């Protein structure tokens, strides 16, 4: 008990300076794989290429739409460079077309996300979204779950010259919000989130339930590892 109390006290001390949370989207706030898999398989069908089950595609998500399409064309998480840039561009346009038509109908909000985000906002924390997903999809998805208004800033994978695991989106968010890295925590399910946070000198929370390519998020040594989204409130309260 004393050991646990000491650990909690240390957590509270670390969190004293924190006033801002950065969140990933896919695999962190929402499970979007059902729609992503459908759009990818429709694209692959157009090219008369093999299609893949949802579980396989789940391990390909996390580096943005273009990389997902390249993995689909390769049939593997390791991209095989058999296609020209123009061919990949064309396949990406097909994928984005199909994804738009789905209108995120099979995307779901993870348990505890809605209540936790509202609780953090009510406690005075600033919330920002930093995703590798194309920016055009951010507002429709967040609005469909009535959480878009909670975010002071959203950054997509095409908003800046670099995306996660680059630190640039996180550093840019700090600058736009007028906060220092020491005042922020990055919350995500992927090594890209944790690597970006470390490069930006930002603390991080790794979530175990998302899309981390079949690897344990703990391998990348975030400051905290949580199985459930609502556990974030144990730090913030």
C-alpha atoms as a PDB file:
ATOM      1  CA  UNK A   1       0.000   0.000   0.000  1.00  0.00           C
ATOM      2  CA  UNK A   2       2.796   2.407   0.848  1.00  0.00           C
ATOM      3  CA  UNK A   3       4.493   1.574  -2.430  1.00  0.00           C
ATOM      4  CA  UNK A   4       1.281   2.226  -4.365  1.00  0.00           C
ATOM      5  CA  UNK A   5       0.677   5.484  -2.500  1.00  0.00           C
ATOM      6  CA  UNK A   6       4.213   6.604  -3.270  1.00  0.00           C
ATOM      7  CA  UNK A   7       3.717   5.791  -6.958  1.00  0.00           C
ATOM      8  CA  UNK A   8       0.460   7.743  -7.077  1.00  0.00           C
ATOM      9  CA  UNK A   9       2.110  10.683  -5.328  1.00  0.00           C
ATOM     10  CA  UNK A  10       4.876  10.694  -7.924  1.00  0.00           C
ATOM     11  CA  UNK A  11       2.303  10.621 -10.717  1.00  0.00           C
ATOM     12  CA  UNK A  12       0.488  13.595  -9.224  1.00  0.00           C
ATOM     13  CA  UNK A  13       3.754  15.519  -8.940  1.00  0.00           C
ATOM     14  CA  UNK A  14       4.640  14.797 -12.574  1.00  0.00           C
ATOM     15  CA  UNK A  15       1.171  15.902 -13.700  1.00  0.00           C
ATOM     16  CA  UNK A  16       1.176  19.199 -11.784  1.00  0.00           C
ATOM     17  CA  UNK A  17       2.559  21.116 -14.769  1.00  0.00           C
ATOM     18  CA  UNK A  18       0.378  19.382 -17.372  1.00  0.00           C
ATOM     19  CA  UNK A  19      -2.390  21.471 -18.917  1.00  0.00           C
ATOM     20  CA  UNK A  20      -2.673  19.993 -22.416  1.00  0.00           C
ATOM     21  CA  UNK A  21      -3.427  16.557 -23.876  1.00  0.00           C
ATOM     22  CA  UNK A  22      -2.619  15.579 -27.465  1.00  0.00           C
ATOM     23  CA  UNK A  23      -4.608  12.626 -28.829  1.00  0.00           C
ATOM     24  CA  UNK A  24      -4.126  10.313 -31.764  1.00  0.00           C
ATOM     25  CA  UNK A  25      -7.330   9.352 -33.598  1.00  0.00           C
ATOM     26  CA  UNK A  26      -7.410   5.890 -35.208  1.00  0.00           C
ATOM     27  CA  UNK A  27      -6.840   3.160 -32.650  1.00  0.00           C
ATOM     28  CA  UNK A  28      -6.955   5.693 -29.812  1.00  0.00           C
ATOM     29  CA  UNK A  29     -10.309   7.487 -29.922  1.00  0.00           C
ATOM     30  CA  UNK A  30     -12.017   5.446 -32.640  1.00  0.00           C
ATOM     31  CA  UNK A  31     -11.839   2.017 -34.216  1.00  0.00           C
ATOM     32  CA  UNK A  32     -11.931   2.926 -37.909  1.00  0.00           C
ATOM     33  CA  UNK A  33     -10.514  -0.328 -39.286  1.00  0.00           C
ATOM     34  CA  UNK A  34     -13.868  -1.693 -40.534  1.00  0.00           C
ATOM     35  CA  UNK A  35     -14.300   1.288 -42.877  1.00  0.00           C
ATOM     36  CA  UNK A  36     -10.603   1.458 -43.817  1.00  0.00           C
ATOM     37  CA  UNK A  37     -10.594  -2.254 -44.657  1.00  0.00           C
ATOM     38  CA  UNK A  38     -13.714  -1.943 -46.807  1.00  0.00           C
ATOM     39  CA  UNK A  39     -12.279   1.017 -48.755  1.00  0.00           C
ATOM     40  CA  UNK A  40      -8.919  -0.686 -49.214  1.00  0.00           C
ATOM     41  CA  UNK A  41     -10.463  -3.938 -50.433  1.00  0.00           C
ATOM     42  CA  UNK A  42     -12.712  -2.053 -52.874  1.00  0.00           C
ATOM     43  CA  UNK A  43      -9.573  -0.387 -54.234  1.00  0.00           C
ATOM     44  CA  UNK A  44      -7.731  -3.693 -54.534  1.00  0.00           C
ATOM     45  CA  UNK A  45     -10.749  -5.223 -56.289  1.00  0.00           C
ATOM     46  CA  UNK A  46     -10.522  -2.514 -58.946  1.00  0.00           C
ATOM     47  CA  UNK A  47      -6.979  -3.662 -59.653  1.00  0.00           C
ATOM     48  CA  UNK A  48      -7.981  -7.347 -59.556  1.00  0.00           C
ATOM     49  CA  UNK A  49      -5.593  -7.835 -56.646  1.00  0.00           C
ATOM     50  CA  UNK A  50      -6.123 -10.064 -53.598  1.00  0.00           C
ATOM     51  CA  UNK A  51      -8.193  -8.628 -50.770  1.00  0.00           C
ATOM     52  CA  UNK A  52      -7.487  -9.077 -47.060  1.00  0.00           C
ATOM     53  CA  UNK A  53      -9.419  -9.660 -43.870  1.00  0.00           C
ATOM     54  CA  UNK A  54      -9.955  -6.937 -41.325  1.00  0.00           C
ATOM     55  CA  UNK A  55      -7.479  -8.402 -38.846  1.00  0.00           C
ATOM     56  CA  UNK A  56      -4.655  -8.324 -41.391  1.00  0.00           C
ATOM     57  CA  UNK A  57      -5.407  -4.741 -42.395  1.00  0.00           C
ATOM     58  CA  UNK A  58      -5.565  -3.763 -38.710  1.00  0.00           C
ATOM     59  CA  UNK A  59      -1.786  -4.304 -38.571  1.00  0.00           C
ATOM     60  CA  UNK A  60      -1.243  -2.020 -41.580  1.00  0.00           C
ATOM     61  CA  UNK A  61      -2.952   1.086 -40.140  1.00  0.00           C
ATOM     62  CA  UNK A  62      -1.107   3.958 -38.481  1.00  0.00           C
ATOM     63  CA  UNK A  63       1.167   5.650 -41.006  1.00  0.00           C
ATOM     64  CA  UNK A  64      -1.419   7.500 -43.043  1.00  0.00           C
ATOM     65  CA  UNK A  65      -3.596   6.680 -46.043  1.00  0.00           C
ATOM     66  CA  UNK A  66      -0.824   6.501 -48.644  1.00  0.00           C
ATOM     67  CA  UNK A  67       1.213   3.971 -46.678  1.00  0.00           C
ATOM     68  CA  UNK A  68      -1.928   1.905 -46.036  1.00  0.00           C
ATOM     69  CA  UNK A  69      -2.596   1.789 -49.774  1.00  0.00           C
ATOM     70  CA  UNK A  70       1.028   0.841 -50.496  1.00  0.00           C
ATOM     71  CA  UNK A  71       0.783  -1.991 -47.976  1.00  0.00           C
ATOM     72  CA  UNK A  72      -2.425  -3.160 -49.605  1.00  0.00           C
ATOM     73  CA  UNK A  73      -0.815  -3.142 -53.056  1.00  0.00           C
ATOM     74  CA  UNK A  74       2.158  -5.038 -51.597  1.00  0.00           C
ATOM     75  CA  UNK A  75      -0.026  -7.454 -49.646  1.00  0.00           C
ATOM     76  CA  UNK A  76       2.312  -6.996 -46.741  1.00  0.00           C
ATOM     77  CA  UNK A  77       3.182  -4.566 -43.948  1.00  0.00           C
ATOM     78  CA  UNK A  78       6.618  -4.370 -45.580  1.00  0.00           C
ATOM     79  CA  UNK A  79       6.132  -2.304 -48.719  1.00  0.00           C
ATOM     80  CA  UNK A  80       7.419  -3.789 -51.965  1.00  0.00           C
ATOM     81  CA  UNK A  81       8.284  -1.035 -54.399  1.00  0.00           C
ATOM     82  CA  UNK A  82       6.678  -2.555 -57.493  1.00  0.00           C
ATOM     83  CA  UNK A  83       4.614   0.515 -58.354  1.00  0.00           C
ATOM     84  CA  UNK A  84       5.511   3.972 -59.619  1.00  0.00           C
ATOM     85  CA  UNK A  85       4.640   7.089 -57.648  1.00  0.00           C
ATOM     86  CA  UNK A  86       1.940   7.934 -60.204  1.00  0.00           C
ATOM     87  CA  UNK A  87       0.395   4.475 -59.857  1.00  0.00           C
ATOM     88  CA  UNK A  88       0.325   4.807 -56.072  1.00  0.00           C
ATOM     89  CA  UNK A  89      -1.219   8.284 -56.397  1.00  0.00           C
ATOM     90  CA  UNK A  90      -3.992   6.830 -58.575  1.00  0.00           C
ATOM     91  CA  UNK A  91      -4.647   3.989 -56.135  1.00  0.00           C
ATOM     92  CA  UNK A  92      -4.712   6.456 -53.246  1.00  0.00           C
ATOM     93  CA  UNK A  93      -7.346   8.560 -55.023  1.00  0.00           C
ATOM     94  CA  UNK A  94      -9.489   5.458 -55.487  1.00  0.00           C
ATOM     95  CA  UNK A  95      -9.097   4.552 -51.817  1.00  0.00           C
ATOM     96  CA  UNK A  96     -10.008   8.059 -50.639  1.00  0.00           C
ATOM     97  CA  UNK A  97     -13.055   8.061 -52.929  1.00  0.00           C
ATOM     98  CA  UNK A  98     -14.313   4.799 -51.469  1.00  0.00           C
ATOM     99  CA  UNK A  99     -13.544   5.900 -47.918  1.00  0.00           C
ATOM    100  CA  UNK A 100     -15.520   9.130 -48.398  1.00  0.00           C
ATOM    101  CA  UNK A 101     -18.537   7.217 -49.690  1.00  0.00           C
ATOM    102  CA  UNK A 102     -18.581   5.026 -46.572  1.00  0.00           C
ATOM    103  CA  UNK A 103     -19.079   8.145 -44.431  1.00  0.00           C
ATOM    104  CA  UNK A 104     -17.503   6.342 -41.433  1.00  0.00           C
ATOM    105  CA  UNK A 105     -20.666   4.235 -41.042  1.00  0.00           C
ATOM    106  CA  UNK A 106     -18.812   1.349 -39.359  1.00  0.00           C
ATOM    107  CA  UNK A 107     -16.376   3.467 -37.311  1.00  0.00           C
ATOM    108  CA  UNK A 108     -17.014   3.334 -33.564  1.00  0.00           C
ATOM    109  CA  UNK A 109     -15.893   5.361 -30.566  1.00  0.00           C
ATOM    110  CA  UNK A 110     -13.970   3.296 -28.030  1.00  0.00           C
ATOM    111  CA  UNK A 111     -15.496   2.746 -24.597  1.00  0.00           C
ATOM    112  CA  UNK A 112     -14.868   5.562 -22.157  1.00  0.00           C
ATOM    113  CA  UNK A 113     -13.665   8.089 -24.733  1.00  0.00           C
ATOM    114  CA  UNK A 114     -16.696  10.385 -24.753  1.00  0.00           C
ATOM    115  CA  UNK A 115     -16.960  10.685 -20.974  1.00  0.00           C
ATOM    116  CA  UNK A 116     -13.198  10.978 -20.429  1.00  0.00           C
ATOM    117  CA  UNK A 117     -12.717  13.742 -22.999  1.00  0.00           C
ATOM    118  CA  UNK A 118     -15.608  15.689 -21.507  1.00  0.00           C
ATOM    119  CA  UNK A 119     -14.211  15.216 -17.993  1.00  0.00           C
ATOM    120  CA  UNK A 120     -10.773  16.456 -19.051  1.00  0.00           C
ATOM    121  CA  UNK A 121     -12.299  19.487 -20.749  1.00  0.00           C
ATOM    122  CA  UNK A 122     -14.415  20.261 -17.692  1.00  0.00           C
ATOM    123  CA  UNK A 123     -11.287  20.082 -15.530  1.00  0.00           C
ATOM    124  CA  UNK A 124      -9.729  22.825 -17.669  1.00  0.00           C
ATOM    125  CA  UNK A 125      -7.330  20.837 -19.841  1.00  0.00           C
ATOM    126  CA  UNK A 126      -6.700  21.901 -23.435  1.00  0.00           C
ATOM    127  CA  UNK A 127      -7.289  19.071 -25.923  1.00  0.00           C
ATOM    128  CA  UNK A 128      -5.708  18.723 -29.361  1.00  0.00           C
ATOM    129  CA  UNK A 129      -5.898  15.996 -31.982  1.00  0.00           C
ATOM    130  CA  UNK A 130      -2.771  14.929 -33.903  1.00  0.00           C
ATOM    131  CA  UNK A 131      -3.353  12.170 -36.441  1.00  0.00           C
ATOM    132  CA  UNK A 132      -1.698  10.779 -39.561  1.00  0.00           C
ATOM    133  CA  UNK A 133      -5.140  10.548 -41.178  1.00  0.00           C
ATOM    134  CA  UNK A 134      -5.856  13.029 -44.008  1.00  0.00           C
ATOM    135  CA  UNK A 135      -7.234  16.188 -42.446  1.00  0.00           C
ATOM    136  CA  UNK A 136     -10.456  16.182 -44.502  1.00  0.00           C
ATOM    137  CA  UNK A 137     -11.759  13.253 -42.453  1.00  0.00           C
ATOM    138  CA  UNK A 138     -11.070  14.661 -38.991  1.00  0.00           C
ATOM    139  CA  UNK A 139     -14.079  16.939 -38.504  1.00  0.00           C
ATOM    140  CA  UNK A 140     -16.659  14.526 -39.986  1.00  0.00           C
ATOM    141  CA  UNK A 141     -15.511  11.697 -37.721  1.00  0.00           C
ATOM    142  CA  UNK A 142     -15.271  13.765 -34.552  1.00  0.00           C
ATOM    143  CA  UNK A 143     -18.557  15.529 -35.278  1.00  0.00           C
ATOM    144  CA  UNK A 144     -20.342  12.223 -35.813  1.00  0.00           C
ATOM    145  CA  UNK A 145     -19.583  11.437 -32.160  1.00  0.00           C
ATOM    146  CA  UNK A 146     -20.256  15.010 -30.931  1.00  0.00           C
ATOM    147  CA  UNK A 147     -16.678  15.573 -29.734  1.00  0.00           C
ATOM    148  CA  UNK A 148     -15.249  17.923 -32.382  1.00  0.00           C
ATOM    149  CA  UNK A 149     -15.957  21.021 -30.290  1.00  0.00           C
ATOM    150  CA  UNK A 150     -13.801  19.679 -27.444  1.00  0.00           C
ATOM    151  CA  UNK A 151     -10.598  20.127 -29.456  1.00  0.00           C
ATOM    152  CA  UNK A 152      -8.792  23.452 -29.623  1.00  0.00           C
ATOM    153  CA  UNK A 153      -6.601  22.265 -32.501  1.00  0.00           C
ATOM    154  CA  UNK A 154      -6.617  19.397 -35.008  1.00  0.00           C
ATOM    155  CA  UNK A 155      -3.655  18.372 -37.172  1.00  0.00           C
ATOM    156  CA  UNK A 156      -3.891  15.803 -39.969  1.00  0.00           C
ATOM    157  CA  UNK A 157      -1.263  13.800 -41.768  1.00  0.00           C
ATOM    158  CA  UNK A 158      -1.299  16.269 -44.652  1.00  0.00           C
ATOM    159  CA  UNK A 159      -1.374  19.444 -42.537  1.00  0.00           C
ATOM    160  CA  UNK A 160       2.416  19.775 -42.325  1.00  0.00           C
ATOM    161  CA  UNK A 161       5.448  18.615 -44.339  1.00  0.00           C
ATOM    162  CA  UNK A 162       6.025  15.751 -41.869  1.00  0.00           C
ATOM    163  CA  UNK A 163       3.776  13.490 -39.819  1.00  0.00           C
ATOM    164  CA  UNK A 164       4.314  11.191 -36.834  1.00  0.00           C
ATOM    165  CA  UNK A 165       6.763   9.656 -35.944  1.00  0.00           C
ATOM    166  CA  UNK A 166       8.301  13.047 -36.732  1.00  0.00           C
ATOM    167  CA  UNK A 167       8.095  15.414 -33.785  1.00  0.00           C
ATOM    168  CA  UNK A 168       7.014  18.267 -36.086  1.00  0.00           C
ATOM    169  CA  UNK A 169       3.227  17.948 -35.572  1.00  0.00           C
ATOM    170  CA  UNK A 170       3.663  17.918 -31.781  1.00  0.00           C
ATOM    171  CA  UNK A 171       6.091  20.828 -31.783  1.00  0.00           C
ATOM    172  CA  UNK A 172       3.762  22.746 -34.108  1.00  0.00           C
ATOM    173  CA  UNK A 173       0.830  22.069 -31.780  1.00  0.00           C
ATOM    174  CA  UNK A 174       2.808  23.430 -28.829  1.00  0.00           C
ATOM    175  CA  UNK A 175       3.581  26.599 -30.763  1.00  0.00           C
ATOM    176  CA  UNK A 176      -0.011  27.094 -31.936  1.00  0.00           C
ATOM    177  CA  UNK A 177      -1.417  26.557 -28.443  1.00  0.00           C
ATOM    178  CA  UNK A 178       1.270  28.578 -26.679  1.00  0.00           C
ATOM    179  CA  UNK A 179       2.373  25.765 -24.370  1.00  0.00           C
ATOM    180  CA  UNK A 180       5.738  24.171 -23.658  1.00  0.00           C
ATOM    181  CA  UNK A 181       6.449  20.465 -24.242  1.00  0.00           C
ATOM    182  CA  UNK A 182       6.695  19.962 -20.473  1.00  0.00           C
ATOM    183  CA  UNK A 183       3.036  20.992 -20.162  1.00  0.00           C
ATOM    184  CA  UNK A 184       1.783  18.349 -22.600  1.00  0.00           C
ATOM    185  CA  UNK A 185       1.033  14.632 -22.742  1.00  0.00           C
ATOM    186  CA  UNK A 186       0.677  12.667 -25.986  1.00  0.00           C
ATOM    187  CA  UNK A 187      -1.904   9.860 -25.884  1.00  0.00           C
ATOM    188  CA  UNK A 188      -1.746   7.156 -28.535  1.00  0.00           C
ATOM    189  CA  UNK A 189      -1.849   3.483 -29.409  1.00  0.00           C
ATOM    190  CA  UNK A 190       1.098   3.341 -31.815  1.00  0.00           C
ATOM    191  CA  UNK A 191       4.874   3.486 -31.647  1.00  0.00           C
ATOM    192  CA  UNK A 192       4.572   6.512 -33.956  1.00  0.00           C
ATOM    193  CA  UNK A 193       2.890   8.440 -31.145  1.00  0.00           C
ATOM    194  CA  UNK A 194       5.464   7.468 -28.539  1.00  0.00           C
ATOM    195  CA  UNK A 195       8.498   8.041 -30.785  1.00  0.00           C
ATOM    196  CA  UNK A 196       7.160  11.470 -31.807  1.00  0.00           C
ATOM    197  CA  UNK A 197       6.509  12.393 -28.176  1.00  0.00           C
ATOM    198  CA  UNK A 198       9.998  11.396 -27.071  1.00  0.00           C
ATOM    199  CA  UNK A 199      11.546  13.391 -29.935  1.00  0.00           C
ATOM    200  CA  UNK A 200       9.523  16.439 -28.845  1.00  0.00           C
ATOM    201  CA  UNK A 201      10.384  15.949 -25.139  1.00  0.00           C
ATOM    202  CA  UNK A 202       6.720  15.358 -24.368  1.00  0.00           C
ATOM    203  CA  UNK A 203       5.424  12.779 -21.903  1.00  0.00           C
ATOM    204  CA  UNK A 204       3.314  10.001 -23.363  1.00  0.00           C
ATOM    205  CA  UNK A 205       0.561   7.530 -22.565  1.00  0.00           C
ATOM    206  CA  UNK A 206       0.538   4.280 -24.535  1.00  0.00           C
ATOM    207  CA  UNK A 207      -2.793   2.521 -24.980  1.00  0.00           C
ATOM    208  CA  UNK A 208      -2.702  -1.247 -25.388  1.00  0.00           C
ATOM    209  CA  UNK A 209      -5.897  -1.765 -27.377  1.00  0.00           C
ATOM    210  CA  UNK A 210      -5.043  -0.023 -30.672  1.00  0.00           C
ATOM    211  CA  UNK A 211      -3.127  -0.702 -33.871  1.00  0.00           C
ATOM    212  CA  UNK A 212       0.542  -1.053 -32.981  1.00  0.00           C
ATOM    213  CA  UNK A 213       1.476  -3.485 -35.774  1.00  0.00           C
ATOM    214  CA  UNK A 214       1.083  -6.456 -33.441  1.00  0.00           C
ATOM    215  CA  UNK A 215       3.730  -5.140 -31.030  1.00  0.00           C
ATOM    216  CA  UNK A 216       3.331  -4.288 -27.360  1.00  0.00           C
ATOM    217  CA  UNK A 217       3.188  -0.515 -26.899  1.00  0.00           C
ATOM    218  CA  UNK A 218       5.214  -0.964 -23.689  1.00  0.00           C
ATOM    219  CA  UNK A 219       8.222  -1.857 -25.866  1.00  0.00           C
ATOM    220  CA  UNK A 220       8.529   1.833 -26.762  1.00  0.00           C
ATOM    221  CA  UNK A 221       8.569   2.943 -23.134  1.00  0.00           C
ATOM    222  CA  UNK A 222       5.815   5.560 -22.847  1.00  0.00           C
ATOM    223  CA  UNK A 223       5.618   7.216 -19.430  1.00  0.00           C
ATOM    224  CA  UNK A 224       2.379   5.342 -18.720  1.00  0.00           C
ATOM    225  CA  UNK A 225       0.715   2.287 -20.261  1.00  0.00           C
ATOM    226  CA  UNK A 226      -3.068   1.978 -19.919  1.00  0.00           C
ATOM    227  CA  UNK A 227      -5.453  -0.764 -21.020  1.00  0.00           C
ATOM    228  CA  UNK A 228      -8.504   1.495 -20.861  1.00  0.00           C
ATOM    229  CA  UNK A 229      -8.958   5.062 -22.057  1.00  0.00           C
ATOM    230  CA  UNK A 230     -10.673   6.211 -18.868  1.00  0.00           C
ATOM    231  CA  UNK A 231      -7.527   5.403 -16.861  1.00  0.00           C
ATOM    232  CA  UNK A 232      -6.219   8.770 -18.082  1.00  0.00           C
ATOM    233  CA  UNK A 233      -8.448  10.337 -15.434  1.00  0.00           C
ATOM    234  CA  UNK A 234      -6.391   8.665 -12.682  1.00  0.00           C
ATOM    235  CA  UNK A 235      -3.591  11.047 -13.659  1.00  0.00           C
ATOM    236  CA  UNK A 236      -5.708  14.120 -14.237  1.00  0.00           C
ATOM    237  CA  UNK A 237      -7.939  14.046 -11.174  1.00  0.00           C
END
